[in-house]
PDB file of N, CA and C in Angstrom:
ATOM      1  N   UNK A   1      86.277 128.441 130.128  1.00  0.00           N
ATOM      2  CA  UNK A   1      86.619 128.315 128.708  1.00  0.00           C
ATOM      3  C   UNK A   1      86.439 126.870 128.262  1.00  0.00           C
ATOM      4  N   UNK A   2      85.960 126.728 127.078  1.00  0.00           N
ATOM      5  CA  UNK A   2      85.763 125.385 126.528  1.00  0.00           C
ATOM      6  C   UNK A   2      87.082 124.919 125.915  1.00  0.00           C
ATOM      7  N   UNK A   3      87.562 123.747 126.314  1.00  0.00           N
ATOM      8  CA  UNK A   3      88.814 123.256 125.760  1.00  0.00           C
ATOM      9  C   UNK A   3      88.584 122.136 124.743  1.00  0.00           C
ATOM     10  N   UNK A   4      87.333 121.963 124.369  1.00  0.00           N
ATOM     11  CA  UNK A   4      86.999 121.001 123.309  1.00  0.00           C
ATOM     12  C   UNK A   4      85.663 121.407 122.719  1.00  0.00           C
ATOM     13  N   UNK A   5      85.364 120.832 121.555  1.00  0.00           N
ATOM     14  CA  UNK A   5      84.062 121.101 120.950  1.00  0.00           C
ATOM     15  C   UNK A   5      83.034 120.206 121.608  1.00  0.00           C
ATOM     16  N   UNK A   6      81.963 120.800 122.048  1.00  0.00           N
ATOM     17  CA  UNK A   6      80.877 120.028 122.632  1.00  0.00           C
ATOM     18  C   UNK A   6      79.619 120.281 121.803  1.00  0.00           C
ATOM     19  N   UNK A   7      78.596 119.509 122.071  1.00  0.00           N
ATOM     20  CA  UNK A   7      77.332 119.672 121.359  1.00  0.00           C
ATOM     21  C   UNK A   7      76.193 119.667 122.366  1.00  0.00           C
ATOM     22  N   UNK A   8      75.072 120.225 121.948  1.00  0.00           N
ATOM     23  CA  UNK A   8      73.844 120.113 122.736  1.00  0.00           C
ATOM     24  C   UNK A   8      72.987 119.024 122.101  1.00  0.00           C
ATOM     25  N   UNK A   9      72.451 118.136 122.928  1.00  0.00           N
ATOM     26  CA  UNK A   9      71.518 117.129 122.417  1.00  0.00           C
ATOM     27  C   UNK A   9      70.267 117.839 121.915  1.00  0.00           C
ATOM     28  N   UNK A  10      69.611 117.254 120.949  1.00  0.00           N
ATOM     29  CA  UNK A  10      68.437 117.870 120.330  1.00  0.00           C
ATOM     30  C   UNK A  10      67.415 118.312 121.379  1.00  0.00           C
ATOM     31  N   UNK A  11      67.212 117.498 122.400  1.00  0.00           N
ATOM     32  CA  UNK A  11      66.222 117.862 123.424  1.00  0.00           C
ATOM     33  C   UNK A  11      66.676 119.067 124.262  1.00  0.00           C
ATOM     34  N   UNK A  12      67.951 119.442 124.179  1.00  0.00           N
ATOM     35  CA  UNK A  12      68.465 120.614 124.896  1.00  0.00           C
ATOM     36  C   UNK A  12      68.416 121.886 124.045  1.00  0.00           C
ATOM     37  N   UNK A  13      68.118 121.743 122.756  1.00  0.00           N
ATOM     38  CA  UNK A  13      68.076 122.904 121.877  1.00  0.00           C
ATOM     39  C   UNK A  13      66.954 123.842 122.295  1.00  0.00           C
ATOM     40  N   UNK A  14      67.106 125.141 122.016  1.00  0.00           N
ATOM     41  CA  UNK A  14      65.980 126.049 122.230  1.00  0.00           C
ATOM     42  C   UNK A  14      64.765 125.553 121.435  1.00  0.00           C
ATOM     43  N   UNK A  15      63.581 125.811 121.961  1.00  0.00           N
ATOM     44  CA  UNK A  15      62.353 125.261 121.371  1.00  0.00           C
ATOM     45  C   UNK A  15      62.210 125.592 119.879  1.00  0.00           C
ATOM     46  N   UNK A  16      62.512 126.827 119.499  1.00  0.00           N
ATOM     47  CA  UNK A  16      62.328 127.210 118.100  1.00  0.00           C
ATOM     48  C   UNK A  16      63.327 126.507 117.188  1.00  0.00           C
ATOM     49  N   UNK A  17      64.571 126.352 117.629  1.00  0.00           N
ATOM     50  CA  UNK A  17      65.570 125.620 116.849  1.00  0.00           C
ATOM     51  C   UNK A  17      65.108 124.177 116.642  1.00  0.00           C
ATOM     52  N   UNK A  18      64.648 123.569 117.733  1.00  0.00           N
ATOM     53  CA  UNK A  18      64.200 122.170 117.676  1.00  0.00           C
ATOM     54  C   UNK A  18      62.991 122.039 116.754  1.00  0.00           C
ATOM     55  N   UNK A  19      62.032 122.958 116.875  1.00  0.00           N
ATOM     56  CA  UNK A  19      60.836 122.901 116.031  1.00  0.00           C
ATOM     57  C   UNK A  19      61.201 123.033 114.555  1.00  0.00           C
ATOM     58  N   UNK A  20      62.056 123.985 114.233  1.00  0.00           N
ATOM     59  CA  UNK A  20      62.443 124.180 112.831  1.00  0.00           C
ATOM     60  C   UNK A  20      63.189 122.974 112.277  1.00  0.00           C
ATOM     61  N   UNK A  21      64.104 122.407 113.083  1.00  0.00           N
ATOM     62  CA  UNK A  21      64.863 121.243 112.619  1.00  0.00           C
ATOM     63  C   UNK A  21      63.950 120.036 112.425  1.00  0.00           C
ATOM     64  N   UNK A  22      63.074 119.792 113.381  1.00  0.00           N
ATOM     65  CA  UNK A  22      62.170 118.639 113.253  1.00  0.00           C
ATOM     66  C   UNK A  22      61.238 118.822 112.063  1.00  0.00           C
ATOM     67  N   UNK A  23      60.791 120.031 111.809  1.00  0.00           N
ATOM     68  CA  UNK A  23      59.956 120.313 110.639  1.00  0.00           C
ATOM     69  C   UNK A  23      60.733 120.077 109.356  1.00  0.00           C
ATOM     70  N   UNK A  24      61.998 120.488 109.345  1.00  0.00           N
ATOM     71  CA  UNK A  24      62.827 120.297 108.149  1.00  0.00           C
ATOM     72  C   UNK A  24      63.094 118.823 107.882  1.00  0.00           C
ATOM     73  N   UNK A  25      63.130 118.019 108.934  1.00  0.00           N
ATOM     74  CA  UNK A  25      63.433 116.585 108.784  1.00  0.00           C
ATOM     75  C   UNK A  25      62.202 115.747 108.486  1.00  0.00           C
ATOM     76  N   UNK A  26      61.016 116.308 108.660  1.00  0.00           N
ATOM     77  CA  UNK A  26      59.776 115.560 108.417  1.00  0.00           C
ATOM     78  C   UNK A  26      59.424 115.643 106.934  1.00  0.00           C
ATOM     79  N   UNK A  27      59.170 114.516 106.299  1.00  0.00           N
ATOM     80  CA  UNK A  27      58.803 114.548 104.882  1.00  0.00           C
ATOM     81  C   UNK A  27      57.569 115.417 104.643  1.00  0.00           C
ATOM     82  N   UNK A  28      57.581 116.145 103.538  1.00  0.00           N
ATOM     83  CA  UNK A  28      56.456 117.003 103.178  1.00  0.00           C
ATOM     84  C   UNK A  28      55.967 116.645 101.789  1.00  0.00           C
ATOM     85  N   UNK A  29      54.660 116.620 101.622  1.00  0.00           N
ATOM     86  CA  UNK A  29      54.084 116.331 100.308  1.00  0.00           C
ATOM     87  C   UNK A  29      54.196 117.537  99.378  1.00  0.00           C
ATOM     88  N   UNK A  30      54.447 118.711  99.955  1.00  0.00           N
ATOM     89  CA  UNK A  30      54.519 119.945  99.172  1.00  0.00           C
ATOM     90  C   UNK A  30      55.976 120.252  98.834  1.00  0.00           C
ATOM     91  N   UNK A  31      56.380 120.099  97.572  1.00  0.00           N
ATOM     92  CA  UNK A  31      57.784 120.301  97.208  1.00  0.00           C
ATOM     93  C   UNK A  31      58.249 121.751  97.360  1.00  0.00           C
ATOM     94  N   UNK A  32      57.319 122.685  97.478  1.00  0.00           N
ATOM     95  CA  UNK A  32      57.669 124.104  97.619  1.00  0.00           C
ATOM     96  C   UNK A  32      57.788 124.528  99.068  1.00  0.00           C
ATOM     97  N   UNK A  33      57.440 123.632  99.970  1.00  0.00           N
ATOM     98  CA  UNK A  33      57.444 123.957 101.393  1.00  0.00           C
ATOM     99  C   UNK A  33      58.865 123.919 101.953  1.00  0.00           C
ATOM    100  N   UNK A  34      59.149 124.830 102.898  1.00  0.00           N
ATOM    101  CA  UNK A  34      60.410 124.779 103.636  1.00  0.00           C
ATOM    102  C   UNK A  34      60.439 123.526 104.508  1.00  0.00           C
ATOM    103  N   UNK A  35      59.267 123.134 104.975  1.00  0.00           N
ATOM    104  CA  UNK A  35      59.176 121.918 105.789  1.00  0.00           C
ATOM    105  C   UNK A  35      59.616 120.733 104.944  1.00  0.00           C
ATOM    106  N   UNK A  36      60.359 119.853 105.543  1.00  0.00           N
ATOM    107  CA  UNK A  36      60.759 118.641 104.855  1.00  0.00           C
ATOM    108  C   UNK A  36      62.015 118.751 104.017  1.00  0.00           C
ATOM    109  N   UNK A  37      62.624 119.923 103.962  1.00  0.00           N
ATOM    110  CA  UNK A  37      63.809 120.064 103.107  1.00  0.00           C
ATOM    111  C   UNK A  37      64.937 119.123 103.509  1.00  0.00           C
ATOM    112  N   UNK A  38      65.152 118.955 104.800  1.00  0.00           N
ATOM    113  CA  UNK A  38      66.235 118.075 105.256  1.00  0.00           C
ATOM    114  C   UNK A  38      65.865 116.602 105.113  1.00  0.00           C
ATOM    115  N   UNK A  39      64.580 116.297 104.963  1.00  0.00           N
ATOM    116  CA  UNK A  39      64.170 114.898 104.830  1.00  0.00           C
ATOM    117  C   UNK A  39      64.695 114.287 103.539  1.00  0.00           C
ATOM    118  N   UNK A  40      65.052 115.124 102.578  1.00  0.00           N
ATOM    119  CA  UNK A  40      65.548 114.625 101.301  1.00  0.00           C
ATOM    120  C   UNK A  40      67.062 114.404 101.302  1.00  0.00           C
ATOM    121  N   UNK A  41      67.720 114.775 102.378  1.00  0.00           N
ATOM    122  CA  UNK A  41      69.164 114.595 102.485  1.00  0.00           C
ATOM    123  C   UNK A  41      69.496 113.167 102.895  1.00  0.00           C
ATOM    124  N   UNK A  42      70.701 112.739 102.546  1.00  0.00           N
ATOM    125  CA  UNK A  42      71.165 111.438 103.030  1.00  0.00           C
ATOM    126  C   UNK A  42      71.301 111.519 104.549  1.00  0.00           C
ATOM    127  N   UNK A  43      71.050 110.412 105.250  1.00  0.00           N
ATOM    128  CA  UNK A  43      71.133 110.422 106.720  1.00  0.00           C
ATOM    129  C   UNK A  43      72.463 110.967 107.238  1.00  0.00           C
ATOM    130  N   UNK A  44      73.566 110.609 106.581  1.00  0.00           N
ATOM    131  CA  UNK A  44      74.889 111.079 107.005  1.00  0.00           C
ATOM    132  C   UNK A  44      74.970 112.601 106.920  1.00  0.00           C
ATOM    133  N   UNK A  45      74.467 113.168 105.848  1.00  0.00           N
ATOM    134  CA  UNK A  45      74.484 114.619 105.660  1.00  0.00           C
ATOM    135  C   UNK A  45      73.598 115.296 106.697  1.00  0.00           C
ATOM    136  N   UNK A  46      72.421 114.726 106.921  1.00  0.00           N
ATOM    137  CA  UNK A  46      71.500 115.283 107.907  1.00  0.00           C
ATOM    138  C   UNK A  46      72.149 115.282 109.297  1.00  0.00           C
ATOM    139  N   UNK A  47      72.839 114.187 109.645  1.00  0.00           N
ATOM    140  CA  UNK A  47      73.532 114.113 110.942  1.00  0.00           C
ATOM    141  C   UNK A  47      74.624 115.179 111.037  1.00  0.00           C
ATOM    142  N   UNK A  48      75.351 115.406 109.933  1.00  0.00           N
ATOM    143  CA  UNK A  48      76.403 116.425 109.943  1.00  0.00           C
ATOM    144  C   UNK A  48      75.818 117.822 110.165  1.00  0.00           C
ATOM    145  N   UNK A  49      74.693 118.110 109.531  1.00  0.00           N
ATOM    146  CA  UNK A  49      74.036 119.411 109.708  1.00  0.00           C
ATOM    147  C   UNK A  49      73.561 119.568 111.141  1.00  0.00           C
ATOM    148  N   UNK A  50      72.967 118.507 111.675  1.00  0.00           N
ATOM    149  CA  UNK A  50      72.475 118.562 113.055  1.00  0.00           C
ATOM    150  C   UNK A  50      73.631 118.751 114.028  1.00  0.00           C
ATOM    151  N   UNK A  51      74.725 118.033 113.796  1.00  0.00           N
ATOM    152  CA  UNK A  51      75.893 118.147 114.679  1.00  0.00           C
ATOM    153  C   UNK A  51      76.494 119.552 114.609  1.00  0.00           C
ATOM    154  N   UNK A  52      76.545 120.138 113.429  1.00  0.00           N
ATOM    155  CA  UNK A  52      77.091 121.496 113.292  1.00  0.00           C
ATOM    156  C   UNK A  52      76.257 122.481 114.107  1.00  0.00           C
ATOM    157  N   UNK A  53      74.939 122.371 114.001  1.00  0.00           N
ATOM    158  CA  UNK A  53      74.077 123.287 114.757  1.00  0.00           C
ATOM    159  C   UNK A  53      74.189 123.012 116.253  1.00  0.00           C
ATOM    160  N   UNK A  54      74.287 121.748 116.618  1.00  0.00           N
ATOM    161  CA  UNK A  54      74.419 121.381 118.028  1.00  0.00           C
ATOM    162  C   UNK A  54      75.729 121.913 118.613  1.00  0.00           C
ATOM    163  N   UNK A  55      76.786 121.932 117.810  1.00  0.00           N
ATOM    164  CA  UNK A  55      78.080 122.458 118.242  1.00  0.00           C
ATOM    165  C   UNK A  55      78.012 123.973 118.396  1.00  0.00           C
ATOM    166  N   UNK A  56      77.383 124.641 117.420  1.00  0.00           N
ATOM    167  CA  UNK A  56      77.189 126.094 117.470  1.00  0.00           C
ATOM    168  C   UNK A  56      76.395 126.479 118.721  1.00  0.00           C
ATOM    169  N   UNK A  57      75.291 125.751 118.976  1.00  0.00           N
ATOM    170  CA  UNK A  57      74.463 126.051 120.143  1.00  0.00           C
ATOM    171  C   UNK A  57      75.241 125.858 121.442  1.00  0.00           C
ATOM    172  N   UNK A  58      76.027 124.792 121.521  1.00  0.00           N
ATOM    173  CA  UNK A  58      76.820 124.539 122.730  1.00  0.00           C
ATOM    174  C   UNK A  58      77.835 125.655 122.945  1.00  0.00           C
ATOM    175  N   UNK A  59      78.447 126.115 121.858  1.00  0.00           N
ATOM    176  CA  UNK A  59      79.408 127.208 121.962  1.00  0.00           C
ATOM    177  C   UNK A  59      78.706 128.492 122.409  1.00  0.00           C
ATOM    178  N   UNK A  60      77.551 128.789 121.805  1.00  0.00           N
ATOM    179  CA  UNK A  60      76.793 129.975 122.222  1.00  0.00           C
ATOM    180  C   UNK A  60      76.459 129.893 123.709  1.00  0.00           C
ATOM    181  N   UNK A  61      76.004 128.723 124.144  1.00  0.00           N
ATOM    182  CA  UNK A  61      75.642 128.546 125.551  1.00  0.00           C
ATOM    183  C   UNK A  61      76.854 128.756 126.457  1.00  0.00           C
ATOM    184  N   UNK A  62      77.988 128.174 126.086  1.00  0.00           N
ATOM    185  CA  UNK A  62      79.203 128.267 126.912  1.00  0.00           C
ATOM    186  C   UNK A  62      79.741 129.689 126.992  1.00  0.00           C
ATOM    187  N   UNK A  63      79.470 130.492 125.959  1.00  0.00           N
ATOM    188  CA  UNK A  63      79.970 131.870 125.945  1.00  0.00           C
ATOM    189  C   UNK A  63      78.913 132.861 126.428  1.00  0.00           C
ATOM    190  N   UNK A  64      77.781 132.352 126.886  1.00  0.00           N
ATOM    191  CA  UNK A  64      76.729 133.217 127.397  1.00  0.00           C
ATOM    192  C   UNK A  64      75.945 133.949 126.313  1.00  0.00           C
ATOM    193  N   UNK A  65      76.042 133.468 125.079  1.00  0.00           N
ATOM    194  CA  UNK A  65      75.392 134.154 123.950  1.00  0.00           C
ATOM    195  C   UNK A  65      74.201 133.390 123.382  1.00  0.00           C
ATOM    196  N   UNK A  66      73.759 132.349 124.078  1.00  0.00           N
ATOM    197  CA  UNK A  66      72.605 131.581 123.587  1.00  0.00           C
ATOM    198  C   UNK A  66      71.331 132.285 124.042  1.00  0.00           C
ATOM    199  N   UNK A  67      70.910 133.245 123.242  1.00  0.00           N
ATOM    200  CA  UNK A  67      69.707 134.012 123.553  1.00  0.00           C
ATOM    201  C   UNK A  67      68.511 133.264 122.985  1.00  0.00           C
ATOM    202  N   UNK A  68      67.896 132.449 123.824  1.00  0.00           N
ATOM    203  CA  UNK A  68      66.847 131.557 123.347  1.00  0.00           C
ATOM    204  C   UNK A  68      65.601 132.294 122.876  1.00  0.00           C
ATOM    205  N   UNK A  69      65.457 133.556 123.281  1.00  0.00           N
ATOM    206  CA  UNK A  69      64.279 134.312 122.838  1.00  0.00           C
ATOM    207  C   UNK A  69      64.442 134.800 121.397  1.00  0.00           C
ATOM    208  N   UNK A  70      65.667 134.764 120.877  1.00  0.00           N
ATOM    209  CA  UNK A  70      65.899 135.195 119.497  1.00  0.00           C
ATOM    210  C   UNK A  70      65.651 134.056 118.522  1.00  0.00           C
ATOM    211  N   UNK A  71      65.240 134.415 117.315  1.00  0.00           N
ATOM    212  CA  UNK A  71      65.144 133.420 116.241  1.00  0.00           C
ATOM    213  C   UNK A  71      66.555 132.911 115.954  1.00  0.00           C
ATOM    214  N   UNK A  72      66.686 131.649 115.523  1.00  0.00           N
ATOM    215  CA  UNK A  72      68.016 131.085 115.278  1.00  0.00           C
ATOM    216  C   UNK A  72      68.911 131.967 114.400  1.00  0.00           C
ATOM    217  N   UNK A  73      68.376 132.515 113.329  1.00  0.00           N
ATOM    218  CA  UNK A  73      69.203 133.344 112.457  1.00  0.00           C
ATOM    219  C   UNK A  73      69.601 134.655 113.114  1.00  0.00           C
ATOM    220  N   UNK A  74      68.802 135.150 114.030  1.00  0.00           N
ATOM    221  CA  UNK A  74      69.122 136.406 114.703  1.00  0.00           C
ATOM    222  C   UNK A  74      70.345 136.260 115.604  1.00  0.00           C
ATOM    223  N   UNK A  75      70.669 135.035 116.004  1.00  0.00           N
ATOM    224  CA  UNK A  75      71.850 134.797 116.846  1.00  0.00           C
ATOM    225  C   UNK A  75      73.143 134.805 116.039  1.00  0.00           C
ATOM    226  N   UNK A  76      73.012 134.728 114.719  1.00  0.00           N
ATOM    227  CA  UNK A  76      74.191 134.680 113.850  1.00  0.00           C
ATOM    228  C   UNK A  76      74.634 136.105 113.537  1.00  0.00           C
ATOM    229  N   UNK A  77      75.793 136.456 114.084  1.00  0.00           N
ATOM    230  CA  UNK A  77      76.384 137.760 113.783  1.00  0.00           C
ATOM    231  C   UNK A  77      77.805 137.522 113.293  1.00  0.00           C
ATOM    232  N   UNK A  78      78.321 138.488 112.562  1.00  0.00           N
ATOM    233  CA  UNK A  78      79.712 138.389 112.081  1.00  0.00           C
ATOM    234  C   UNK A  78      80.660 138.167 113.267  1.00  0.00           C
ATOM    235  N   UNK A  79      80.461 138.922 114.335  1.00  0.00           N
ATOM    236  CA  UNK A  79      81.357 138.823 115.492  1.00  0.00           C
ATOM    237  C   UNK A  79      81.304 137.425 116.113  1.00  0.00           C
ATOM    238  N   UNK A  80      80.120 136.870 116.219  1.00  0.00           N
ATOM    239  CA  UNK A  80      79.994 135.527 116.800  1.00  0.00           C
ATOM    240  C   UNK A  80      80.625 134.467 115.909  1.00  0.00           C
ATOM    241  N   UNK A  81      80.414 134.578 114.611  1.00  0.00           N
ATOM    242  CA  UNK A  81      81.004 133.588 113.706  1.00  0.00           C
ATOM    243  C   UNK A  81      82.527 133.672 113.758  1.00  0.00           C
ATOM    244  N   UNK A  82      83.068 134.888 113.775  1.00  0.00           N
ATOM    245  CA  UNK A  82      84.527 135.063 113.879  1.00  0.00           C
ATOM    246  C   UNK A  82      85.038 134.440 115.185  1.00  0.00           C
ATOM    247  N   UNK A  83      84.344 134.675 116.287  1.00  0.00           N
ATOM    248  CA  UNK A  83      84.761 134.116 117.578  1.00  0.00           C
ATOM    249  C   UNK A  83      84.630 132.591 117.587  1.00  0.00           C
ATOM    250  N   UNK A  84      83.588 132.059 116.948  1.00  0.00           N
ATOM    251  CA  UNK A  84      83.397 130.603 116.852  1.00  0.00           C
ATOM    252  C   UNK A  84      84.547 129.981 116.064  1.00  0.00           C
ATOM    253  N   UNK A  85      84.922 130.601 114.960  1.00  0.00           N
ATOM    254  CA  UNK A  85      86.056 130.113 114.157  1.00  0.00           C
ATOM    255  C   UNK A  85      87.341 130.183 114.981  1.00  0.00           C
ATOM    256  N   UNK A  86      87.542 131.283 115.698  1.00  0.00           N
ATOM    257  CA  UNK A  86      88.740 131.423 116.539  1.00  0.00           C
ATOM    258  C   UNK A  86      88.789 130.326 117.600  1.00  0.00           C
ATOM    259  N   UNK A  87      87.631 129.984 118.150  1.00  0.00           N
ATOM    260  CA  UNK A  87      87.561 128.896 119.137  1.00  0.00           C
ATOM    261  C   UNK A  87      88.008 127.582 118.507  1.00  0.00           C
ATOM    262  N   UNK A  88      87.492 127.286 117.317  1.00  0.00           N
ATOM    263  CA  UNK A  88      87.884 126.037 116.654  1.00  0.00           C
ATOM    264  C   UNK A  88      89.366 126.055 116.284  1.00  0.00           C
ATOM    265  N   UNK A  89      89.890 127.213 115.875  1.00  0.00           N
ATOM    266  CA  UNK A  89      91.314 127.322 115.577  1.00  0.00           C
ATOM    267  C   UNK A  89      92.153 127.094 116.831  1.00  0.00           C
ATOM    268  N   UNK A  90      91.684 127.621 117.969  1.00  0.00           N
ATOM    269  CA  UNK A  90      92.397 127.441 119.236  1.00  0.00           C
ATOM    270  C   UNK A  90      92.437 125.968 119.635  1.00  0.00           C
ATOM    271  N   UNK A  91      91.447 125.219 119.191  1.00  0.00           N
ATOM    272  CA  UNK A  91      91.408 123.777 119.455  1.00  0.00           C
ATOM    273  C   UNK A  91      92.181 122.999 118.394  1.00  0.00           C
ATOM    274  N   UNK A  92      92.878 123.741 117.524  1.00  0.00           N
ATOM    275  CA  UNK A  92      93.740 123.176 116.488  1.00  0.00           C
ATOM    276  C   UNK A  92      92.976 122.338 115.479  1.00  0.00           C
ATOM    277  N   UNK A  93      91.760 122.779 115.155  1.00  0.00           N
ATOM    278  CA  UNK A  93      91.008 122.141 114.081  1.00  0.00           C
ATOM    279  C   UNK A  93      91.582 122.607 112.750  1.00  0.00           C
ATOM    280  N   UNK A  94      91.648 121.710 111.794  1.00  0.00           N
ATOM    281  CA  UNK A  94      92.180 122.041 110.464  1.00  0.00           C
ATOM    282  C   UNK A  94      91.255 123.042 109.775  1.00  0.00           C
ATOM    283  N   UNK A  95      91.826 123.891 108.928  1.00  0.00           N
ATOM    284  CA  UNK A  95      91.027 124.884 108.211  1.00  0.00           C
ATOM    285  C   UNK A  95      89.905 124.231 107.407  1.00  0.00           C
ATOM    286  N   UNK A  96      90.181 123.083 106.796  1.00  0.00           N
ATOM    287  CA  UNK A  96      89.153 122.372 106.030  1.00  0.00           C
ATOM    288  C   UNK A  96      88.011 121.897 106.915  1.00  0.00           C
ATOM    289  N   UNK A  97      88.352 121.442 108.109  1.00  0.00           N
ATOM    290  CA  UNK A  97      87.338 121.007 109.070  1.00  0.00           C
ATOM    291  C   UNK A  97      86.466 122.184 109.490  1.00  0.00           C
ATOM    292  N   UNK A  98      87.104 123.316 109.736  1.00  0.00           N
ATOM    293  CA  UNK A  98      86.369 124.516 110.133  1.00  0.00           C
ATOM    294  C   UNK A  98      85.458 124.968 108.992  1.00  0.00           C
ATOM    295  N   UNK A  99      85.996 124.966 107.784  1.00  0.00           N
ATOM    296  CA  UNK A  99      85.189 125.372 106.623  1.00  0.00           C
ATOM    297  C   UNK A  99      83.985 124.455 106.461  1.00  0.00           C
ATOM    298  N   UNK A 100      84.195 123.150 106.634  1.00  0.00           N
ATOM    299  CA  UNK A 100      83.088 122.194 106.505  1.00  0.00           C
ATOM    300  C   UNK A 100      82.045 122.426 107.587  1.00  0.00           C
ATOM    301  N   UNK A 101      82.488 122.710 108.809  1.00  0.00           N
ATOM    302  CA  UNK A 101      81.558 122.997 109.908  1.00  0.00           C
ATOM    303  C   UNK A 101      80.704 124.208 109.547  1.00  0.00           C
ATOM    304  N   UNK A 102      81.329 125.270 109.016  1.00  0.00           N
ATOM    305  CA  UNK A 102      80.583 126.469 108.666  1.00  0.00           C
ATOM    306  C   UNK A 102      79.608 126.206 107.522  1.00  0.00           C
ATOM    307  N   UNK A 103      80.023 125.405 106.537  1.00  0.00           N
ATOM    308  CA  UNK A 103      79.096 125.066 105.433  1.00  0.00           C
ATOM    309  C   UNK A 103      77.918 124.260 105.958  1.00  0.00           C
ATOM    310  N   UNK A 104      78.178 123.310 106.847  1.00  0.00           N
ATOM    311  CA  UNK A 104      77.093 122.514 107.426  1.00  0.00           C
ATOM    312  C   UNK A 104      76.166 123.380 108.264  1.00  0.00           C
ATOM    313  N   UNK A 105      76.742 124.316 108.993  1.00  0.00           N
ATOM    314  CA  UNK A 105      75.954 125.211 109.811  1.00  0.00           C
ATOM    315  C   UNK A 105      75.079 126.115 108.942  1.00  0.00           C
ATOM    316  N   UNK A 106      75.633 126.563 107.857  1.00  0.00           N
ATOM    317  CA  UNK A 106      74.883 127.438 106.930  1.00  0.00           C
ATOM    318  C   UNK A 106      73.683 126.695 106.379  1.00  0.00           C
TER     319      UNK A 106
END
């Protein structure tokens, strides 16, 4: 059991998660492209989004649910999100902190 929140370093992320994140962070000349969307965020916000995903991935890995063959969104289920929230509650994270983590993850 995890007794604290941990994160996966970017180089430990599943290949597709890493590819999508790096694409989102790379500036794009095409304003309609999904690529580059995160490049327009403030660095602090971008770090918060990356940390939220890194925390989610670490939790999935620790619970045996990090199915790397699935697309990142396919790993998101109601049951997993409920269990992830319960984990953060068990670690006595404030409701506002949990809500912010979920918004960043979204």
